[in-house]
Amino acid sequence: MAELKGVVTSIPNSSILIDTLSLQEAKDSSAVENIITTHDDIYRSDLAARQFVTGAAKEVHLYAAALRDGFERVQQTGLLLADDILRVQARIEENRAGFRRLPGTELKNERSGETVYTPPQHPDDIVVLMENLECFINDEELSDLDPLVKMAIIHHQFESIHPFYDGNGRTGRIINILYLVKEDLLGRPVLYLSRYINHNKGDYYRLLQKVRERGAWEEWILWMLEGVETTSRQTTVLIREILELMQHFKQKIRSEEPRVYSQDLINNLFRHPYTKIEFVMVELGVGRKTAAKYLDAVLELGLLSKHKIGKENFYLNDALFGLLLNIGGS
């Protein structure tokens, strides 16, 4: 994780990682909940304009926005409070239903329909348990456990409290990342833990339940630690590949099209695997004609490909798209 935190600082503008990689995290976290979408649909959608290719793409963008909002909040306060968790869930679900107030929530086996776990039902119990979890997250004097071990415990406790009607899984996976940011183990919210969980979904649910039934904490914690190690390595490799690709773009544009070169343009091409004229206009502060000229110049260099979707032209950073499509060799 220290290696991952260090390599993030090598990106000239690390905010591009938040925009690009948060959508990867969102895609995998949503897939755990059987919200399936494609990279194509995600990158062709635009949260700011409220334009979504599919409903699933919208869910992914809302998750990524919740992650970014939560990250900014934790950066500002140095805390991760129950109120922050409520905000994250509200952003994901686009409602303010808050903690559960009505009984009847049960977790069922997807195949058999059998109830495998009944979380706390009374609204007062949920509030008390969330207050207790908030203290455990923020009061360092309550426990001298390693932060990564605490993260595994926090995640299990949150998922077992199951405080919301909807969005508990996705909110819980955002809490993982925000807690690591709070503990200064991550400088940016770029860890792909949801990818590991999605690829090992059976073990994830089995081990969660094994703790509830048998108190098998050690097996759960070791599994989560393996996930942190695996995803840290994968993400470190990915960021290094992105950095190398950025350097290639930079050198080629600066040497062959110096009139259009700027670091802001490079950042745009890596913030949006699918970029478009409007994005360049906003982020570079230029007119439509100039933005189109910049993108067409980079297109001529073979660094982008142009795609007409509906009435809009999109410019695809094919090499970056390929990296994001093949994280972890999958």
C-alpha atoms as a PDB file:
ATOM      1  CA  MET A   1       0.000   0.000   0.000  1.00  0.00           C
ATOM      2  CA  ALA A   2       2.880   2.353   0.695  1.00  0.00           C
ATOM      3  CA  GLU A   3       4.159   1.660  -2.828  1.00  0.00           C
ATOM      4  CA  LEU A   4       0.713   2.439  -4.237  1.00  0.00           C
ATOM      5  CA  LYS A   5       0.451   5.667  -2.244  1.00  0.00           C
ATOM      6  CA  GLY A   6       3.896   6.703  -3.519  1.00  0.00           C
ATOM      7  CA  VAL A   7       3.280   5.954  -7.192  1.00  0.00           C
ATOM      8  CA  VAL A   8       0.089   8.053  -7.171  1.00  0.00           C
ATOM      9  CA  THR A   9       2.210  11.141  -6.441  1.00  0.00           C
ATOM     10  CA  SER A  10       4.172  10.554  -9.674  1.00  0.00           C
ATOM     11  CA  ILE A  11       1.112  11.487 -11.778  1.00  0.00           C
ATOM     12  CA  PRO A  12       1.411  15.210 -12.672  1.00  0.00           C
ATOM     13  CA  ASN A  13      -2.233  15.857 -11.774  1.00  0.00           C
ATOM     14  CA  SER A  14      -3.440  13.069  -9.511  1.00  0.00           C
ATOM     15  CA  SER A  15      -7.028  14.313  -9.744  1.00  0.00           C
ATOM     16  CA  ILE A  16      -7.243  12.554 -13.107  1.00  0.00           C
ATOM     17  CA  LEU A  17      -6.838   9.256 -11.253  1.00  0.00           C
ATOM     18  CA  ILE A  18      -9.806  10.088  -9.052  1.00  0.00           C
ATOM     19  CA  ASP A  19     -11.975  10.688 -12.109  1.00  0.00           C
ATOM     20  CA  THR A  20     -10.776   7.681 -14.103  1.00  0.00           C
ATOM     21  CA  LEU A  21     -10.150   5.089 -11.407  1.00  0.00           C
ATOM     22  CA  SER A  22     -13.199   5.921  -9.293  1.00  0.00           C
ATOM     23  CA  LEU A  23     -15.339   4.793 -12.221  1.00  0.00           C
ATOM     24  CA  GLN A  24     -13.408   1.500 -12.307  1.00  0.00           C
ATOM     25  CA  GLU A  25     -14.014   0.996  -8.592  1.00  0.00           C
ATOM     26  CA  ALA A  26     -17.666   1.941  -9.074  1.00  0.00           C
ATOM     27  CA  LYS A  27     -18.088  -0.532 -11.927  1.00  0.00           C
ATOM     28  CA  ASP A  28     -16.714  -3.418  -9.881  1.00  0.00           C
ATOM     29  CA  SER A  29     -18.559  -2.486  -6.698  1.00  0.00           C
ATOM     30  CA  SER A  30     -21.828  -2.246  -8.614  1.00  0.00           C
ATOM     31  CA  ALA A  31     -21.118  -5.613 -10.237  1.00  0.00           C
ATOM     32  CA  VAL A  32     -21.040  -7.208  -6.756  1.00  0.00           C
ATOM     33  CA  GLU A  33     -24.714  -6.145  -6.518  1.00  0.00           C
ATOM     34  CA  ASN A  34     -25.430  -7.528 -10.017  1.00  0.00           C
ATOM     35  CA  ILE A  35     -25.546  -4.037 -11.550  1.00  0.00           C
ATOM     36  CA  ILE A  36     -23.697  -4.883 -14.735  1.00  0.00           C
ATOM     37  CA  THR A  37     -22.523  -2.359 -17.298  1.00  0.00           C
ATOM     38  CA  THR A  38     -19.707  -1.996 -19.822  1.00  0.00           C
ATOM     39  CA  HIS A  39     -16.729   0.335 -19.876  1.00  0.00           C
ATOM     40  CA  ASP A  40     -18.124   1.735 -23.119  1.00  0.00           C
ATOM     41  CA  ASP A  41     -21.436   2.718 -21.535  1.00  0.00           C
ATOM     42  CA  ILE A  42     -19.736   4.230 -18.499  1.00  0.00           C
ATOM     43  CA  TYR A  43     -17.369   6.472 -20.412  1.00  0.00           C
ATOM     44  CA  ARG A  44     -19.979   7.567 -22.921  1.00  0.00           C
ATOM     45  CA  SER A  45     -22.200   8.728 -20.054  1.00  0.00           C
ATOM     46  CA  ASP A  46     -21.875  12.156 -18.464  1.00  0.00           C
ATOM     47  CA  LEU A  47     -22.932  12.762 -14.853  1.00  0.00           C
ATOM     48  CA  ALA A  48     -22.642  16.550 -15.072  1.00  0.00           C
ATOM     49  CA  ALA A  49     -25.024  16.658 -18.033  1.00  0.00           C
ATOM     50  CA  ARG A  50     -27.216  13.886 -16.545  1.00  0.00           C
ATOM     51  CA  GLN A  51     -26.809  11.906 -19.752  1.00  0.00           C
ATOM     52  CA  PHE A  52     -26.563   8.154 -19.203  1.00  0.00           C
ATOM     53  CA  VAL A  53     -26.391   5.464 -21.872  1.00  0.00           C
ATOM     54  CA  THR A  54     -28.032   2.905 -19.561  1.00  0.00           C
ATOM     55  CA  GLY A  55     -29.544   2.771 -16.087  1.00  0.00           C
ATOM     56  CA  ALA A  56     -26.608   0.653 -14.928  1.00  0.00           C
ATOM     57  CA  ALA A  57     -24.152   3.298 -16.168  1.00  0.00           C
ATOM     58  CA  LYS A  58     -26.058   5.862 -14.124  1.00  0.00           C
ATOM     59  CA  GLU A  59     -25.683   3.683 -10.985  1.00  0.00           C
ATOM     60  CA  VAL A  60     -21.926   3.459 -11.573  1.00  0.00           C
ATOM     61  CA  HIS A  61     -21.578   7.231 -12.013  1.00  0.00           C
ATOM     62  CA  LEU A  62     -23.576   7.883  -8.829  1.00  0.00           C
ATOM     63  CA  TYR A  63     -21.279   5.521  -6.905  1.00  0.00           C
ATOM     64  CA  ALA A  64     -18.182   7.267  -8.259  1.00  0.00           C
ATOM     65  CA  ALA A  65     -19.648  10.667  -7.319  1.00  0.00           C
ATOM     66  CA  ALA A  66     -20.395   9.405  -3.795  1.00  0.00           C
ATOM     67  CA  LEU A  67     -16.818   8.154  -3.477  1.00  0.00           C
ATOM     68  CA  ARG A  68     -15.377  11.504  -4.595  1.00  0.00           C
ATOM     69  CA  ASP A  69     -17.708  13.462  -2.286  1.00  0.00           C
ATOM     70  CA  GLY A  70     -16.807  11.250   0.668  1.00  0.00           C
ATOM     71  CA  PHE A  71     -13.108  11.587  -0.091  1.00  0.00           C
ATOM     72  CA  GLU A  72     -13.326  15.388  -0.084  1.00  0.00           C
ATOM     73  CA  ARG A  73     -15.218  15.311   3.212  1.00  0.00           C
ATOM     74  CA  VAL A  74     -12.685  13.035   4.936  1.00  0.00           C
ATOM     75  CA  GLN A  75      -9.838  15.179   3.612  1.00  0.00           C
ATOM     76  CA  GLN A  76     -11.448  18.283   5.109  1.00  0.00           C
ATOM     77  CA  THR A  77     -12.298  16.870   8.541  1.00  0.00           C
ATOM     78  CA  GLY A  78      -9.904  13.976   9.105  1.00  0.00           C
ATOM     79  CA  LEU A  79     -12.919  12.018  10.372  1.00  0.00           C
ATOM     80  CA  LEU A  80     -15.371   9.473   9.007  1.00  0.00           C
ATOM     81  CA  LEU A  81     -18.663  10.092  10.770  1.00  0.00           C
ATOM     82  CA  ALA A  82     -22.088   8.449  10.627  1.00  0.00           C
ATOM     83  CA  ASP A  83     -23.336  11.623   8.951  1.00  0.00           C
ATOM     84  CA  ASP A  84     -20.720  11.154   6.202  1.00  0.00           C
ATOM     85  CA  ILE A  85     -21.914   7.566   5.704  1.00  0.00           C
ATOM     86  CA  LEU A  86     -25.499   8.824   5.426  1.00  0.00           C
ATOM     87  CA  ARG A  87     -24.388  11.300   2.757  1.00  0.00           C
ATOM     88  CA  VAL A  88     -22.578   8.619   0.781  1.00  0.00           C
ATOM     89  CA  GLN A  89     -25.644   6.350   0.761  1.00  0.00           C
ATOM     90  CA  ALA A  90     -27.949   9.245  -0.133  1.00  0.00           C
ATOM     91  CA  ARG A  91     -25.735  10.100  -3.123  1.00  0.00           C
ATOM     92  CA  ILE A  92     -25.675   6.485  -4.318  1.00  0.00           C
ATOM     93  CA  GLU A  93     -29.429   6.022  -4.032  1.00  0.00           C
ATOM     94  CA  GLU A  94     -30.455   9.627  -4.796  1.00  0.00           C
ATOM     95  CA  ASN A  95     -32.777   9.700  -1.796  1.00  0.00           C
ATOM     96  CA  ARG A  96     -32.650  10.657   1.863  1.00  0.00           C
ATOM     97  CA  ALA A  97     -34.447   7.665   3.354  1.00  0.00           C
ATOM     98  CA  GLY A  98     -31.718   7.443   6.008  1.00  0.00           C
ATOM     99  CA  PHE A  99     -31.384   4.539   8.432  1.00  0.00           C
ATOM    100  CA  ARG A 100     -34.037   1.814   8.355  1.00  0.00           C
ATOM    101  CA  ARG A 101     -37.135   2.569  10.438  1.00  0.00           C
ATOM    102  CA  LEU A 102     -39.362  -0.352   9.462  1.00  0.00           C
ATOM    103  CA  PRO A 103     -38.803  -4.021  10.419  1.00  0.00           C
ATOM    104  CA  GLY A 104     -38.736  -6.844   7.904  1.00  0.00           C
ATOM    105  CA  THR A 105     -35.247  -6.614   6.356  1.00  0.00           C
ATOM    106  CA  GLU A 106     -33.681 -10.039   5.811  1.00  0.00           C
ATOM    107  CA  LEU A 107     -30.654 -11.165   3.815  1.00  0.00           C
ATOM    108  CA  LYS A 108     -31.524 -14.116   1.596  1.00  0.00           C
ATOM    109  CA  ASN A 109     -29.629 -16.677  -0.422  1.00  0.00           C
ATOM    110  CA  GLU A 110     -29.980 -15.559  -4.057  1.00  0.00           C
ATOM    111  CA  ARG A 111     -30.499 -19.103  -5.327  1.00  0.00           C
ATOM    112  CA  SER A 112     -32.684 -20.726  -2.678  1.00  0.00           C
ATOM    113  CA  GLY A 113     -34.452 -17.666  -1.267  1.00  0.00           C
ATOM    114  CA  GLU A 114     -33.627 -18.920   2.230  1.00  0.00           C
ATOM    115  CA  THR A 115     -33.013 -16.288   4.925  1.00  0.00           C
ATOM    116  CA  VAL A 116     -29.345 -16.494   5.922  1.00  0.00           C
ATOM    117  CA  TYR A 117     -29.139 -13.475   8.220  1.00  0.00           C
ATOM    118  CA  THR A 118     -31.538 -11.089   9.949  1.00  0.00           C
ATOM    119  CA  PRO A 119     -29.878  -7.752  10.794  1.00  0.00           C
ATOM    120  CA  PRO A 120     -30.987  -5.567  13.734  1.00  0.00           C
ATOM    121  CA  GLN A 121     -34.615  -4.545  13.210  1.00  0.00           C
ATOM    122  CA  HIS A 122     -35.478  -1.781  15.701  1.00  0.00           C
ATOM    123  CA  PRO A 123     -34.555   1.720  14.471  1.00  0.00           C
ATOM    124  CA  ASP A 124     -33.185   2.691  17.912  1.00  0.00           C
ATOM    125  CA  ASP A 125     -30.829  -0.310  17.851  1.00  0.00           C
ATOM    126  CA  ILE A 126     -29.563   0.680  14.400  1.00  0.00           C
ATOM    127  CA  VAL A 127     -28.816   4.244  15.555  1.00  0.00           C
ATOM    128  CA  VAL A 128     -26.973   2.997  18.659  1.00  0.00           C
ATOM    129  CA  LEU A 129     -24.941   0.483  16.652  1.00  0.00           C
ATOM    130  CA  MET A 130     -23.975   3.110  14.077  1.00  0.00           C
ATOM    131  CA  GLU A 131     -22.919   5.500  16.844  1.00  0.00           C
ATOM    132  CA  ASN A 132     -20.805   2.698  18.293  1.00  0.00           C
ATOM    133  CA  LEU A 133     -19.242   2.048  14.877  1.00  0.00           C
ATOM    134  CA  GLU A 134     -18.538   5.768  14.443  1.00  0.00           C
ATOM    135  CA  CYS A 135     -16.628   5.764  17.740  1.00  0.00           C
ATOM    136  CA  PHE A 136     -14.644   2.663  16.734  1.00  0.00           C
ATOM    137  CA  ILE A 137     -13.715   4.277  13.398  1.00  0.00           C
ATOM    138  CA  ASN A 138     -12.582   7.611  14.845  1.00  0.00           C
ATOM    139  CA  ASP A 139     -11.430   7.100  18.448  1.00  0.00           C
ATOM    140  CA  GLU A 140      -7.909   5.685  18.199  1.00  0.00           C
ATOM    141  CA  GLU A 141      -7.743   5.075  21.947  1.00  0.00           C
ATOM    142  CA  LEU A 142     -10.439   2.391  21.739  1.00  0.00           C
ATOM    143  CA  SER A 143      -8.169  -0.037  19.909  1.00  0.00           C
ATOM    144  CA  ASP A 144      -4.488  -0.438  19.018  1.00  0.00           C
ATOM    145  CA  LEU A 145      -5.220  -2.784  16.131  1.00  0.00           C
ATOM    146  CA  ASP A 146      -3.467  -2.199  12.824  1.00  0.00           C
ATOM    147  CA  PRO A 147      -5.647   0.037  10.603  1.00  0.00           C
ATOM    148  CA  LEU A 148      -5.967  -2.680   7.951  1.00  0.00           C
ATOM    149  CA  VAL A 149      -7.290  -5.129  10.542  1.00  0.00           C
ATOM    150  CA  LYS A 150      -9.663  -2.417  11.779  1.00  0.00           C
ATOM    151  CA  MET A 151     -10.871  -1.837   8.223  1.00  0.00           C
ATOM    152  CA  ALA A 152     -11.820  -5.518   7.920  1.00  0.00           C
ATOM    153  CA  ILE A 153     -13.701  -5.356  11.235  1.00  0.00           C
ATOM    154  CA  ILE A 154     -15.424  -2.079  10.324  1.00  0.00           C
ATOM    155  CA  HIS A 155     -16.583  -3.499   7.013  1.00  0.00           C
ATOM    156  CA  HIS A 156     -18.013  -6.616   8.651  1.00  0.00           C
ATOM    157  CA  GLN A 157     -19.768  -4.637  11.351  1.00  0.00           C
ATOM    158  CA  PHE A 158     -21.300  -2.187   8.890  1.00  0.00           C
ATOM    159  CA  GLU A 159     -22.566  -4.940   6.591  1.00  0.00           C
ATOM    160  CA  SER A 160     -23.998  -6.804   9.601  1.00  0.00           C
ATOM    161  CA  ILE A 161     -25.777  -3.713  10.945  1.00  0.00           C
ATOM    162  CA  HIS A 162     -27.120  -3.260   7.387  1.00  0.00           C
ATOM    163  CA  PRO A 163     -28.476   0.159   8.343  1.00  0.00           C
ATOM    164  CA  PHE A 164     -30.108   1.164   5.038  1.00  0.00           C
ATOM    165  CA  TYR A 165     -32.974  -0.175   2.966  1.00  0.00           C
ATOM    166  CA  ASP A 166     -30.752  -0.140  -0.136  1.00  0.00           C
ATOM    167  CA  GLY A 167     -27.122   0.505  -1.040  1.00  0.00           C
ATOM    168  CA  ASN A 168     -25.496  -1.162   1.991  1.00  0.00           C
ATOM    169  CA  GLY A 169     -22.942  -3.147  -0.016  1.00  0.00           C
ATOM    170  CA  ARG A 170     -21.809  -0.240  -2.158  1.00  0.00           C
ATOM    171  CA  THR A 171     -21.753   2.155   0.810  1.00  0.00           C
ATOM    172  CA  GLY A 172     -19.726  -0.361   2.817  1.00  0.00           C
ATOM    173  CA  ARG A 173     -17.129  -0.669   0.077  1.00  0.00           C
ATOM    174  CA  ILE A 174     -16.782   3.117  -0.103  1.00  0.00           C
ATOM    175  CA  ILE A 175     -16.265   3.158   3.681  1.00  0.00           C
ATOM    176  CA  ASN A 176     -13.285   0.807   3.175  1.00  0.00           C
ATOM    177  CA  ILE A 177     -11.550   3.325   0.913  1.00  0.00           C
ATOM    178  CA  LEU A 178     -12.476   6.381   2.990  1.00  0.00           C
ATOM    179  CA  TYR A 179     -11.152   4.736   6.145  1.00  0.00           C
ATOM    180  CA  LEU A 180      -7.790   4.059   4.478  1.00  0.00           C
ATOM    181  CA  VAL A 181      -7.690   7.719   3.401  1.00  0.00           C
ATOM    182  CA  LYS A 182      -8.542   8.802   6.943  1.00  0.00           C
ATOM    183  CA  GLU A 183      -5.680   6.681   8.270  1.00  0.00           C
ATOM    184  CA  ASP A 184      -3.318   8.219   5.665  1.00  0.00           C
ATOM    185  CA  LEU A 185      -2.641   4.819   4.083  1.00  0.00           C
ATOM    186  CA  LEU A 186      -4.050   6.198   0.828  1.00  0.00           C
ATOM    187  CA  GLY A 187      -3.547   9.728  -0.455  1.00  0.00           C
ATOM    188  CA  ARG A 188      -6.217   9.302  -3.138  1.00  0.00           C
ATOM    189  CA  PRO A 189      -9.238   6.937  -3.308  1.00  0.00           C
ATOM    190  CA  VAL A 190      -7.731   4.597  -5.894  1.00  0.00           C
ATOM    191  CA  LEU A 191      -7.690   1.111  -4.314  1.00  0.00           C
ATOM    192  CA  TYR A 192      -9.582  -1.529  -6.325  1.00  0.00           C
ATOM    193  CA  LEU A 193     -10.859  -3.630  -3.404  1.00  0.00           C
ATOM    194  CA  SER A 194     -14.278  -4.054  -5.037  1.00  0.00           C
ATOM    195  CA  ARG A 195     -12.622  -5.821  -7.946  1.00  0.00           C
ATOM    196  CA  TYR A 196     -11.184  -8.443  -5.599  1.00  0.00           C
ATOM    197  CA  ILE A 197     -14.529  -8.855  -3.833  1.00  0.00           C
ATOM    198  CA  ASN A 198     -16.402  -9.207  -7.123  1.00  0.00           C
ATOM    199  CA  HIS A 199     -13.983 -11.815  -8.432  1.00  0.00           C
ATOM    200  CA  ASN A 200     -14.297 -13.766  -5.154  1.00  0.00           C
ATOM    201  CA  LYS A 201     -17.928 -13.048  -4.367  1.00  0.00           C
ATOM    202  CA  GLY A 202     -18.677 -16.537  -3.039  1.00  0.00           C
ATOM    203  CA  ASP A 203     -15.859 -16.352  -0.478  1.00  0.00           C
ATOM    204  CA  TYR A 204     -16.876 -12.820   0.482  1.00  0.00           C
ATOM    205  CA  TYR A 205     -20.423 -13.741   1.471  1.00  0.00           C
ATOM    206  CA  ARG A 206     -19.380 -17.084   2.969  1.00  0.00           C
ATOM    207  CA  LEU A 207     -16.780 -15.517   5.247  1.00  0.00           C
ATOM    208  CA  LEU A 208     -19.068 -12.656   6.290  1.00  0.00           C
ATOM    209  CA  GLN A 209     -21.609 -15.251   7.394  1.00  0.00           C
ATOM    210  CA  LYS A 210     -18.985 -17.480   9.030  1.00  0.00           C
ATOM    211  CA  VAL A 211     -18.058 -14.644  11.402  1.00  0.00           C
ATOM    212  CA  ARG A 212     -21.739 -14.189  12.328  1.00  0.00           C
ATOM    213  CA  GLU A 213     -22.293 -17.880  12.938  1.00  0.00           C
ATOM    214  CA  ARG A 214     -18.962 -19.007  14.386  1.00  0.00           C
ATOM    215  CA  GLY A 215     -16.958 -15.881  15.225  1.00  0.00           C
ATOM    216  CA  ALA A 216     -14.380 -16.826  12.570  1.00  0.00           C
ATOM    217  CA  TRP A 217     -12.692 -13.418  12.586  1.00  0.00           C
ATOM    218  CA  GLU A 218      -9.180 -14.576  11.712  1.00  0.00           C
ATOM    219  CA  GLU A 219     -10.198 -16.185   8.421  1.00  0.00           C
ATOM    220  CA  TRP A 220     -12.214 -13.092   7.430  1.00  0.00           C
ATOM    221  CA  ILE A 221      -9.427 -10.654   8.308  1.00  0.00           C
ATOM    222  CA  LEU A 222      -6.753 -12.661   6.474  1.00  0.00           C
ATOM    223  CA  TRP A 223      -8.984 -12.794   3.389  1.00  0.00           C
ATOM    224  CA  MET A 224      -9.470  -9.035   3.462  1.00  0.00           C
ATOM    225  CA  LEU A 225      -5.727  -8.440   3.934  1.00  0.00           C
ATOM    226  CA  GLU A 226      -5.003 -10.638   0.927  1.00  0.00           C
ATOM    227  CA  GLY A 227      -7.480  -8.505  -1.009  1.00  0.00           C
ATOM    228  CA  VAL A 228      -5.690  -5.311  -0.021  1.00  0.00           C
ATOM    229  CA  GLU A 229      -2.328  -6.766  -1.087  1.00  0.00           C
ATOM    230  CA  THR A 230      -3.614  -8.127  -4.395  1.00  0.00           C
ATOM    231  CA  THR A 231      -5.455  -4.974  -5.409  1.00  0.00           C
ATOM    232  CA  SER A 232      -2.638  -2.689  -4.269  1.00  0.00           C
ATOM    233  CA  ARG A 233      -0.229  -4.535  -6.561  1.00  0.00           C
ATOM    234  CA  GLN A 234      -2.655  -4.445  -9.501  1.00  0.00           C
ATOM    235  CA  THR A 235      -3.412  -0.762  -9.071  1.00  0.00           C
ATOM    236  CA  THR A 236       0.273   0.127  -8.708  1.00  0.00           C
ATOM    237  CA  VAL A 237       1.032  -1.617 -12.012  1.00  0.00           C
ATOM    238  CA  LEU A 238      -1.907   0.130 -13.679  1.00  0.00           C
ATOM    239  CA  ILE A 239      -0.868   3.602 -12.503  1.00  0.00           C
ATOM    240  CA  ARG A 240       2.690   3.033 -13.710  1.00  0.00           C
ATOM    241  CA  GLU A 241       1.334   1.986 -17.105  1.00  0.00           C
ATOM    242  CA  ILE A 242      -0.880   5.090 -17.217  1.00  0.00           C
ATOM    243  CA  LEU A 243       2.100   7.290 -16.339  1.00  0.00           C
ATOM    244  CA  GLU A 244       4.206   5.684 -19.095  1.00  0.00           C
ATOM    245  CA  LEU A 245       1.387   6.207 -21.587  1.00  0.00           C
ATOM    246  CA  MET A 246       1.000   9.850 -20.536  1.00  0.00           C
ATOM    247  CA  GLN A 247       4.696  10.398 -21.193  1.00  0.00           C
ATOM    248  CA  HIS A 248       4.304   8.876 -24.667  1.00  0.00           C
ATOM    249  CA  PHE A 249       1.386  11.207 -25.460  1.00  0.00           C
ATOM    250  CA  LYS A 250       3.285  14.176 -24.076  1.00  0.00           C
ATOM    251  CA  GLN A 251       6.422  13.548 -26.141  1.00  0.00           C
ATOM    252  CA  LYS A 252       4.552  12.806 -29.376  1.00  0.00           C
ATOM    253  CA  ILE A 253       2.217  15.813 -29.199  1.00  0.00           C
ATOM    254  CA  ARG A 254       4.953  18.203 -28.066  1.00  0.00           C
ATOM    255  CA  SER A 255       7.348  17.117 -30.822  1.00  0.00           C
ATOM    256  CA  GLU A 256       4.854  16.750 -33.707  1.00  0.00           C
ATOM    257  CA  GLU A 257       2.035  19.186 -32.834  1.00  0.00           C
ATOM    258  CA  PRO A 258       3.631  21.754 -30.479  1.00  0.00           C
ATOM    259  CA  ARG A 259       0.971  24.373 -31.292  1.00  0.00           C
ATOM    260  CA  VAL A 260      -1.746  22.330 -29.595  1.00  0.00           C
ATOM    261  CA  TYR A 261       0.345  20.847 -26.778  1.00  0.00           C
ATOM    262  CA  SER A 262      -0.429  21.671 -23.150  1.00  0.00           C
ATOM    263  CA  GLN A 263      -0.425  19.712 -19.918  1.00  0.00           C
ATOM    264  CA  ASP A 264      -4.114  20.572 -19.561  1.00  0.00           C
ATOM    265  CA  LEU A 265      -4.835  18.815 -22.843  1.00  0.00           C
ATOM    266  CA  ILE A 266      -2.888  15.735 -21.710  1.00  0.00           C
ATOM    267  CA  ASN A 267      -4.845  15.732 -18.448  1.00  0.00           C
ATOM    268  CA  ASN A 268      -8.117  15.910 -20.368  1.00  0.00           C
ATOM    269  CA  LEU A 269      -7.205  12.943 -22.559  1.00  0.00           C
ATOM    270  CA  PHE A 270      -6.486  10.838 -19.465  1.00  0.00           C
ATOM    271  CA  ARG A 271      -9.327  12.106 -17.278  1.00  0.00           C
ATOM    272  CA  HIS A 272     -11.828  10.969 -19.920  1.00  0.00           C
ATOM    273  CA  PRO A 273     -10.992   7.802 -21.883  1.00  0.00           C
ATOM    274  CA  TYR A 274     -13.853   9.045 -24.078  1.00  0.00           C
ATOM    275  CA  THR A 275     -13.451  12.790 -24.361  1.00  0.00           C
ATOM    276  CA  LYS A 276     -15.438  15.233 -26.461  1.00  0.00           C
ATOM    277  CA  ILE A 277     -15.272  18.833 -27.632  1.00  0.00           C
ATOM    278  CA  GLU A 278     -17.380  20.102 -24.721  1.00  0.00           C
ATOM    279  CA  PHE A 279     -15.011  18.568 -22.150  1.00  0.00           C
ATOM    280  CA  VAL A 280     -11.998  20.239 -23.772  1.00  0.00           C
ATOM    281  CA  MET A 281     -13.817  23.599 -23.960  1.00  0.00           C
ATOM    282  CA  VAL A 282     -14.589  23.541 -20.224  1.00  0.00           C
ATOM    283  CA  GLU A 283     -11.275  22.156 -18.968  1.00  0.00           C
ATOM    284  CA  LEU A 284      -8.981  24.203 -21.221  1.00  0.00           C
ATOM    285  CA  GLY A 285     -11.121  27.342 -21.325  1.00  0.00           C
ATOM    286  CA  VAL A 286     -11.166  27.504 -25.126  1.00  0.00           C
ATOM    287  CA  GLY A 287     -13.850  27.974 -27.781  1.00  0.00           C
ATOM    288  CA  ARG A 288     -15.514  25.170 -29.685  1.00  0.00           C
ATOM    289  CA  LYS A 289     -13.479  25.663 -32.857  1.00  0.00           C
ATOM    290  CA  THR A 290     -10.182  25.578 -30.948  1.00  0.00           C
ATOM    291  CA  ALA A 291     -11.209  22.501 -28.944  1.00  0.00           C
ATOM    292  CA  ALA A 292     -12.159  20.659 -32.135  1.00  0.00           C
ATOM    293  CA  LYS A 293      -8.826  21.649 -33.711  1.00  0.00           C
ATOM    294  CA  TYR A 294      -6.893  20.265 -30.718  1.00  0.00           C
ATOM    295  CA  LEU A 295      -8.721  16.926 -30.779  1.00  0.00           C
ATOM    296  CA  ASP A 296      -8.437  16.539 -34.548  1.00  0.00           C
ATOM    297  CA  ALA A 297      -4.696  17.230 -34.342  1.00  0.00           C
ATOM    298  CA  VAL A 298      -4.231  14.477 -31.747  1.00  0.00           C
ATOM    299  CA  LEU A 299      -6.457  12.229 -33.859  1.00  0.00           C
ATOM    300  CA  GLU A 300      -4.131  12.758 -36.838  1.00  0.00           C
ATOM    301  CA  LEU A 301      -1.211  11.581 -34.710  1.00  0.00           C
ATOM    302  CA  GLY A 302      -2.976   8.241 -34.203  1.00  0.00           C
ATOM    303  CA  LEU A 303      -3.328   8.721 -30.457  1.00  0.00           C
ATOM    304  CA  LEU A 304      -7.140   8.852 -30.531  1.00  0.00           C
ATOM    305  CA  SER A 305      -9.937   7.323 -32.567  1.00  0.00           C
ATOM    306  CA  LYS A 306     -13.127   9.192 -33.437  1.00  0.00           C
ATOM    307  CA  HIS A 307     -16.595   7.736 -32.869  1.00  0.00           C
ATOM    308  CA  LYS A 308     -19.945   9.291 -33.756  1.00  0.00           C
ATOM    309  CA  ILE A 309     -22.610   8.228 -31.271  1.00  0.00           C
ATOM    310  CA  GLY A 310     -25.966   9.813 -31.936  1.00  0.00           C
ATOM    311  CA  LYS A 311     -25.304  13.446 -32.737  1.00  0.00           C
ATOM    312  CA  GLU A 312     -22.034  13.645 -30.767  1.00  0.00           C
ATOM    313  CA  ASN A 313     -18.437  12.939 -31.674  1.00  0.00           C
ATOM    314  CA  PHE A 314     -16.386  11.128 -29.041  1.00  0.00           C
ATOM    315  CA  TYR A 315     -12.605  10.798 -29.117  1.00  0.00           C
ATOM    316  CA  LEU A 316     -11.410   7.534 -27.600  1.00  0.00           C
ATOM    317  CA  ASN A 317      -8.009   7.185 -25.947  1.00  0.00           C
ATOM    318  CA  ASP A 318      -7.709   3.589 -27.172  1.00  0.00           C
ATOM    319  CA  ALA A 319      -4.484   2.764 -25.329  1.00  0.00           C
ATOM    320  CA  LEU A 320      -5.819   4.028 -21.975  1.00  0.00           C
ATOM    321  CA  PHE A 321      -9.119   2.260 -22.578  1.00  0.00           C
ATOM    322  CA  GLY A 322      -7.201  -0.964 -23.173  1.00  0.00           C
ATOM    323  CA  LEU A 323      -5.292  -0.601 -19.896  1.00  0.00           C
ATOM    324  CA  LEU A 324      -8.495  -0.042 -17.940  1.00  0.00           C
ATOM    325  CA  LEU A 325     -10.167  -2.979 -19.654  1.00  0.00           C
ATOM    326  CA  ASN A 326      -7.384  -5.372 -18.688  1.00  0.00           C
ATOM    327  CA  ILE A 327      -6.663  -4.552 -15.032  1.00  0.00           C
ATOM    328  CA  GLY A 328      -5.145  -7.517 -13.290  1.00  0.00           C
ATOM    329  CA  GLY A 329      -4.817  -9.382 -16.580  1.00  0.00           C
ATOM    330  CA  SER A 330      -8.559  -9.994 -16.875  1.00  0.00           C
END
